[in-house]
Amino acid sequence: MRLSEFFTFDEAGHSQTARRLGIDNTPPKQLHPSLAHVATGLLDPVRRKVGHPVTVSSWYRSPALERVLCGSSFLKRCKRLNIQPDETAWGDYLARKQHPKGEAFDLEIPGIPNYELALWIQQNLRFDQLILEFHERGKPGSGWVHASLSRGRNRNQVLTIGKGFAHQGLPDYGPLTHPKLLT
């Protein structure tokens, strides 16, 4: 089933981790509108810009997959808020996450620096959240880009997150020496 010009329903639920662990990561039908909105609003424009197919590393995540991937973040949040890590706290945590709603994806494109991809999205597309994650200056392929788009209100929030830090906005590295997208 096609979600957009370039992306399919199967791609939205594709997860190597889910497959390896035997987790069903099939998006429920009620998320099709959100998945299609993300595909047409963010992923298709990126695909058009780069001029070749792109593979999303993580898009929809079932609650079971989200628990596997974000369990340590959940426990840290519980500790920080001084709350018990029970099912109620998990439900509250899960309700804040966008991957299980089909609204977010993580992306790396071989040959395109992640910093430049994040800059291009920031300058050209509408989004809810854009995060440059674990990128290291001078290492173009390091980290990945997380982006989300809601069918409701979008915050246009831009963050950079790394080991032990998070801050608003993208780093200012000055002019790009060999831009691939920003031409």
C-alpha atoms as a PDB file:
ATOM      1  CA  MET A   1       0.000   0.000   0.000  1.00  0.00           C
ATOM      2  CA  ARG A   2       1.390   3.380  -1.034  1.00  0.00           C
ATOM      3  CA  LEU A   3       1.494   6.255   1.498  1.00  0.00           C
ATOM      4  CA  SER A   4       2.902   8.827  -0.902  1.00  0.00           C
ATOM      5  CA  GLU A   5       4.720   9.229  -4.192  1.00  0.00           C
ATOM      6  CA  PHE A   6       7.867   7.524  -2.877  1.00  0.00           C
ATOM      7  CA  PHE A   7       6.999   5.677   0.352  1.00  0.00           C
ATOM      8  CA  THR A   8       4.959   2.604   1.221  1.00  0.00           C
ATOM      9  CA  PHE A   9       3.130   1.331   4.268  1.00  0.00           C
ATOM     10  CA  ASP A  10       5.655  -1.511   4.624  1.00  0.00           C
ATOM     11  CA  GLU A  11       8.525   0.984   4.861  1.00  0.00           C
ATOM     12  CA  ALA A  12       6.800   2.766   7.743  1.00  0.00           C
ATOM     13  CA  GLY A  13       6.859  -0.356   9.912  1.00  0.00           C
ATOM     14  CA  HIS A  14      10.211  -1.735   8.782  1.00  0.00           C
ATOM     15  CA  SER A  15      12.549  -2.321  11.727  1.00  0.00           C
ATOM     16  CA  GLN A  16      15.585  -4.585  11.885  1.00  0.00           C
ATOM     17  CA  THR A  17      15.353  -4.551  15.683  1.00  0.00           C
ATOM     18  CA  ALA A  18      11.689  -5.602  15.666  1.00  0.00           C
ATOM     19  CA  ARG A  19      12.407  -8.367  13.168  1.00  0.00           C
ATOM     20  CA  ARG A  20      15.396  -9.625  15.185  1.00  0.00           C
ATOM     21  CA  LEU A  21      13.355  -9.654  18.428  1.00  0.00           C
ATOM     22  CA  GLY A  22      10.179 -11.074  16.882  1.00  0.00           C
ATOM     23  CA  ILE A  23       8.141  -7.921  17.608  1.00  0.00           C
ATOM     24  CA  ASP A  24       5.173  -7.182  15.347  1.00  0.00           C
ATOM     25  CA  ASN A  25       5.798  -3.619  14.199  1.00  0.00           C
ATOM     26  CA  THR A  26       2.880  -3.295  11.776  1.00  0.00           C
ATOM     27  CA  PRO A  27       1.335   0.176  12.087  1.00  0.00           C
ATOM     28  CA  PRO A  28      -2.375   0.097  12.966  1.00  0.00           C
ATOM     29  CA  LYS A  29      -4.783   1.327  10.278  1.00  0.00           C
ATOM     30  CA  GLN A  30      -5.795   4.389  12.312  1.00  0.00           C
ATOM     31  CA  LEU A  31      -2.238   5.719  11.871  1.00  0.00           C
ATOM     32  CA  HIS A  32      -2.340   5.652   8.048  1.00  0.00           C
ATOM     33  CA  PRO A  33      -3.301   9.367   7.831  1.00  0.00           C
ATOM     34  CA  SER A  34      -0.373  10.370  10.083  1.00  0.00           C
ATOM     35  CA  LEU A  35       2.065   8.150   8.194  1.00  0.00           C
ATOM     36  CA  ALA A  36       0.894   9.577   4.852  1.00  0.00           C
ATOM     37  CA  HIS A  37       1.169  13.133   6.220  1.00  0.00           C
ATOM     38  CA  VAL A  38       4.791  12.545   7.268  1.00  0.00           C
ATOM     39  CA  ALA A  39       5.595  10.869   3.947  1.00  0.00           C
ATOM     40  CA  THR A  40       4.124  13.651   1.793  1.00  0.00           C
ATOM     41  CA  GLY A  41       5.196  16.555   4.011  1.00  0.00           C
ATOM     42  CA  LEU A  42       8.751  15.553   4.913  1.00  0.00           C
ATOM     43  CA  LEU A  43      10.055  12.391   3.303  1.00  0.00           C
ATOM     44  CA  ASP A  44       8.895  12.971  -0.289  1.00  0.00           C
ATOM     45  CA  PRO A  45      10.479  16.459  -0.437  1.00  0.00           C
ATOM     46  CA  VAL A  46      13.761  15.043   0.931  1.00  0.00           C
ATOM     47  CA  ARG A  47      13.635  12.223  -1.638  1.00  0.00           C
ATOM     48  CA  ARG A  48      12.992  14.724  -4.455  1.00  0.00           C
ATOM     49  CA  LYS A  49      15.891  16.902  -3.311  1.00  0.00           C
ATOM     50  CA  VAL A  50      18.463  14.112  -3.100  1.00  0.00           C
ATOM     51  CA  GLY A  51      17.303  12.596  -6.393  1.00  0.00           C
ATOM     52  CA  HIS A  52      17.482   8.942  -5.368  1.00  0.00           C
ATOM     53  CA  PRO A  53      15.729   6.530  -2.985  1.00  0.00           C
ATOM     54  CA  VAL A  54      16.283   7.001   0.746  1.00  0.00           C
ATOM     55  CA  THR A  55      15.834   4.431   3.495  1.00  0.00           C
ATOM     56  CA  VAL A  56      14.277   5.443   6.789  1.00  0.00           C
ATOM     57  CA  SER A  57      16.060   3.760   9.704  1.00  0.00           C
ATOM     58  CA  SER A  58      13.157   4.136  12.152  1.00  0.00           C
ATOM     59  CA  TRP A  59       9.630   5.423  11.530  1.00  0.00           C
ATOM     60  CA  TYR A  60       6.613   3.814  13.209  1.00  0.00           C
ATOM     61  CA  ARG A  61       7.430   2.012  16.454  1.00  0.00           C
ATOM     62  CA  SER A  62       4.919  -0.246  18.157  1.00  0.00           C
ATOM     63  CA  PRO A  63       4.619   0.218  21.935  1.00  0.00           C
ATOM     64  CA  ALA A  64       6.601  -3.019  22.395  1.00  0.00           C
ATOM     65  CA  LEU A  65       9.416  -1.811  20.129  1.00  0.00           C
ATOM     66  CA  GLU A  66       9.409   1.631  21.751  1.00  0.00           C
ATOM     67  CA  ARG A  67       9.816  -0.043  25.151  1.00  0.00           C
ATOM     68  CA  VAL A  68      12.873  -1.936  23.905  1.00  0.00           C
ATOM     69  CA  LEU A  69      14.451   1.105  22.247  1.00  0.00           C
ATOM     70  CA  CYS A  70      13.596   3.721  24.888  1.00  0.00           C
ATOM     71  CA  GLY A  71      13.463   1.719  28.109  1.00  0.00           C
ATOM     72  CA  SER A  72      16.587   3.323  29.567  1.00  0.00           C
ATOM     73  CA  SER A  73      15.335   6.832  28.692  1.00  0.00           C
ATOM     74  CA  PHE A  74      12.046   5.995  30.406  1.00  0.00           C
ATOM     75  CA  LEU A  75      13.849   4.851  33.560  1.00  0.00           C
ATOM     76  CA  LYS A  76      16.023   7.996  33.593  1.00  0.00           C
ATOM     77  CA  ARG A  77      12.900  10.142  33.256  1.00  0.00           C
ATOM     78  CA  CYS A  78      11.236   8.317  36.161  1.00  0.00           C
ATOM     79  CA  LYS A  79      14.320   8.821  38.315  1.00  0.00           C
ATOM     80  CA  ARG A  80      14.558  12.519  37.375  1.00  0.00           C
ATOM     81  CA  LEU A  81      10.857  13.049  38.187  1.00  0.00           C
ATOM     82  CA  ASN A  82      11.055  10.814  41.272  1.00  0.00           C
ATOM     83  CA  ILE A  83       8.192   8.589  40.099  1.00  0.00           C
ATOM     84  CA  GLN A  84       7.758   4.827  40.094  1.00  0.00           C
ATOM     85  CA  PRO A  85       8.543   3.191  36.733  1.00  0.00           C
ATOM     86  CA  ASP A  86       5.174   1.430  36.552  1.00  0.00           C
ATOM     87  CA  GLU A  87       2.660   0.926  33.730  1.00  0.00           C
ATOM     88  CA  THR A  88       0.946   4.265  34.448  1.00  0.00           C
ATOM     89  CA  ALA A  89       4.261   6.106  34.130  1.00  0.00           C
ATOM     90  CA  TRP A  90       5.033   4.120  30.972  1.00  0.00           C
ATOM     91  CA  GLY A  91       1.658   5.083  29.476  1.00  0.00           C
ATOM     92  CA  ASP A  92       2.322   8.760  30.223  1.00  0.00           C
ATOM     93  CA  TYR A  93       5.796   8.488  28.687  1.00  0.00           C
ATOM     94  CA  LEU A  94       4.524   6.669  25.599  1.00  0.00           C
ATOM     95  CA  ALA A  95       1.795   9.285  25.042  1.00  0.00           C
ATOM     96  CA  ARG A  96       4.528  11.923  24.574  1.00  0.00           C
ATOM     97  CA  LYS A  97       6.441   9.948  21.949  1.00  0.00           C
ATOM     98  CA  GLN A  98       5.902  10.581  18.227  1.00  0.00           C
ATOM     99  CA  HIS A  99       7.291   7.385  16.664  1.00  0.00           C
ATOM    100  CA  PRO A 100       4.377   5.287  18.075  1.00  0.00           C
ATOM    101  CA  LYS A 101       1.954   7.829  16.569  1.00  0.00           C
ATOM    102  CA  GLY A 102       3.577   7.493  13.136  1.00  0.00           C
ATOM    103  CA  GLU A 103       4.585  11.167  13.262  1.00  0.00           C
ATOM    104  CA  ALA A 104       8.389  10.820  13.459  1.00  0.00           C
ATOM    105  CA  PHE A 105      11.266   9.165  11.662  1.00  0.00           C
ATOM    106  CA  ASP A 106      15.047   8.839  11.908  1.00  0.00           C
ATOM    107  CA  LEU A 107      17.056   9.199   8.730  1.00  0.00           C
ATOM    108  CA  GLU A 108      20.595   8.976   7.400  1.00  0.00           C
ATOM    109  CA  ILE A 109      21.344   9.301   3.694  1.00  0.00           C
ATOM    110  CA  PRO A 110      24.692   7.898   2.492  1.00  0.00           C
ATOM    111  CA  GLY A 111      26.777  10.652   0.912  1.00  0.00           C
ATOM    112  CA  ILE A 112      24.744  13.483   2.491  1.00  0.00           C
ATOM    113  CA  PRO A 113      26.160  14.972   5.717  1.00  0.00           C
ATOM    114  CA  ASN A 114      23.554  14.733   8.488  1.00  0.00           C
ATOM    115  CA  TYR A 115      24.223  18.325   9.541  1.00  0.00           C
ATOM    116  CA  GLU A 116      23.478  19.540   6.013  1.00  0.00           C
ATOM    117  CA  LEU A 117      20.328  17.387   5.812  1.00  0.00           C
ATOM    118  CA  ALA A 118      19.084  18.935   9.064  1.00  0.00           C
ATOM    119  CA  LEU A 119      19.871  22.442   7.780  1.00  0.00           C
ATOM    120  CA  TRP A 120      18.004  21.788   4.533  1.00  0.00           C
ATOM    121  CA  ILE A 121      14.924  20.498   6.368  1.00  0.00           C
ATOM    122  CA  GLN A 122      15.025  23.481   8.738  1.00  0.00           C
ATOM    123  CA  GLN A 123      15.229  25.967   5.863  1.00  0.00           C
ATOM    124  CA  ASN A 124      12.769  24.341   3.464  1.00  0.00           C
ATOM    125  CA  LEU A 125      10.116  22.249   5.195  1.00  0.00           C
ATOM    126  CA  ARG A 126       7.415  22.561   7.813  1.00  0.00           C
ATOM    127  CA  PHE A 127       7.979  20.268  10.814  1.00  0.00           C
ATOM    128  CA  ASP A 128       7.089  19.759  14.443  1.00  0.00           C
ATOM    129  CA  GLN A 129      10.489  18.716  15.715  1.00  0.00           C
ATOM    130  CA  LEU A 130      13.890  18.489  14.045  1.00  0.00           C
ATOM    131  CA  ILE A 131      16.752  16.953  15.999  1.00  0.00           C
ATOM    132  CA  LEU A 132      20.354  16.463  14.936  1.00  0.00           C
ATOM    133  CA  GLU A 133      21.275  13.482  17.108  1.00  0.00           C
ATOM    134  CA  PHE A 134      24.785  12.397  18.091  1.00  0.00           C
ATOM    135  CA  HIS A 135      26.459  14.279  15.253  1.00  0.00           C
ATOM    136  CA  GLU A 136      30.188  14.993  15.602  1.00  0.00           C
ATOM    137  CA  ARG A 137      31.690  17.990  13.853  1.00  0.00           C
ATOM    138  CA  GLY A 138      34.123  16.905  11.167  1.00  0.00           C
ATOM    139  CA  LYS A 139      32.419  13.502  10.811  1.00  0.00           C
ATOM    140  CA  PRO A 140      29.703  14.088   8.174  1.00  0.00           C
ATOM    141  CA  GLY A 141      28.110  10.647   8.504  1.00  0.00           C
ATOM    142  CA  SER A 142      27.973  10.641  12.286  1.00  0.00           C
ATOM    143  CA  GLY A 143      24.652  10.573  14.080  1.00  0.00           C
ATOM    144  CA  TRP A 144      21.284  10.865  12.378  1.00  0.00           C
ATOM    145  CA  VAL A 145      18.421  13.276  11.767  1.00  0.00           C
ATOM    146  CA  HIS A 146      15.126  12.871  13.631  1.00  0.00           C
ATOM    147  CA  ALA A 147      12.171  14.784  12.216  1.00  0.00           C
ATOM    148  CA  SER A 148       8.472  14.825  12.977  1.00  0.00           C
ATOM    149  CA  LEU A 149       5.330  16.348  11.557  1.00  0.00           C
ATOM    150  CA  SER A 150       1.975  16.459  13.281  1.00  0.00           C
ATOM    151  CA  ARG A 151      -1.398  16.743  11.586  1.00  0.00           C
ATOM    152  CA  GLY A 152      -2.206  19.261  14.324  1.00  0.00           C
ATOM    153  CA  ARG A 153      -0.112  22.105  15.663  1.00  0.00           C
ATOM    154  CA  ASN A 154       3.615  21.990  14.847  1.00  0.00           C
ATOM    155  CA  ARG A 155       6.200  23.589  17.156  1.00  0.00           C
ATOM    156  CA  ASN A 156       9.071  24.100  14.675  1.00  0.00           C
ATOM    157  CA  GLN A 157      11.374  22.988  17.485  1.00  0.00           C
ATOM    158  CA  VAL A 158      15.017  22.487  16.497  1.00  0.00           C
ATOM    159  CA  LEU A 159      17.409  20.673  18.839  1.00  0.00           C
ATOM    160  CA  THR A 160      20.872  19.172  18.848  1.00  0.00           C
ATOM    161  CA  ILE A 161      21.315  16.186  21.149  1.00  0.00           C
ATOM    162  CA  GLY A 162      24.500  14.306  21.965  1.00  0.00           C
ATOM    163  CA  LYS A 163      26.015  12.250  24.740  1.00  0.00           C
ATOM    164  CA  GLY A 164      25.277  14.207  27.897  1.00  0.00           C
ATOM    165  CA  PHE A 165      23.915  17.365  26.262  1.00  0.00           C
ATOM    166  CA  ALA A 166      20.908  18.840  24.502  1.00  0.00           C
ATOM    167  CA  HIS A 167      20.464  22.392  23.283  1.00  0.00           C
ATOM    168  CA  GLN A 168      18.119  24.496  21.170  1.00  0.00           C
ATOM    169  CA  GLY A 169      18.942  24.959  17.490  1.00  0.00           C
ATOM    170  CA  LEU A 170      21.573  23.490  15.219  1.00  0.00           C
ATOM    171  CA  PRO A 171      25.289  24.194  15.664  1.00  0.00           C
ATOM    172  CA  ASP A 172      26.704  27.083  13.635  1.00  0.00           C
ATOM    173  CA  TYR A 173      29.591  25.591  11.700  1.00  0.00           C
ATOM    174  CA  GLY A 174      29.834  28.544   9.333  1.00  0.00           C
ATOM    175  CA  PRO A 175      29.692  28.173   5.540  1.00  0.00           C
ATOM    176  CA  LEU A 176      29.664  24.631   4.180  1.00  0.00           C
ATOM    177  CA  THR A 177      32.778  23.821   2.171  1.00  0.00           C
ATOM    178  CA  HIS A 178      31.242  21.286  -0.247  1.00  0.00           C
ATOM    179  CA  PRO A 179      27.448  21.509   0.038  1.00  0.00           C
ATOM    180  CA  LYS A 180      25.432  18.664  -1.451  1.00  0.00           C
ATOM    181  CA  LEU A 181      21.886  19.905  -0.730  1.00  0.00           C
ATOM    182  CA  LEU A 182      22.276  23.604   0.049  1.00  0.00           C
ATOM    183  CA  THR A 183      23.209  24.867  -3.400  1.00  0.00           C
END
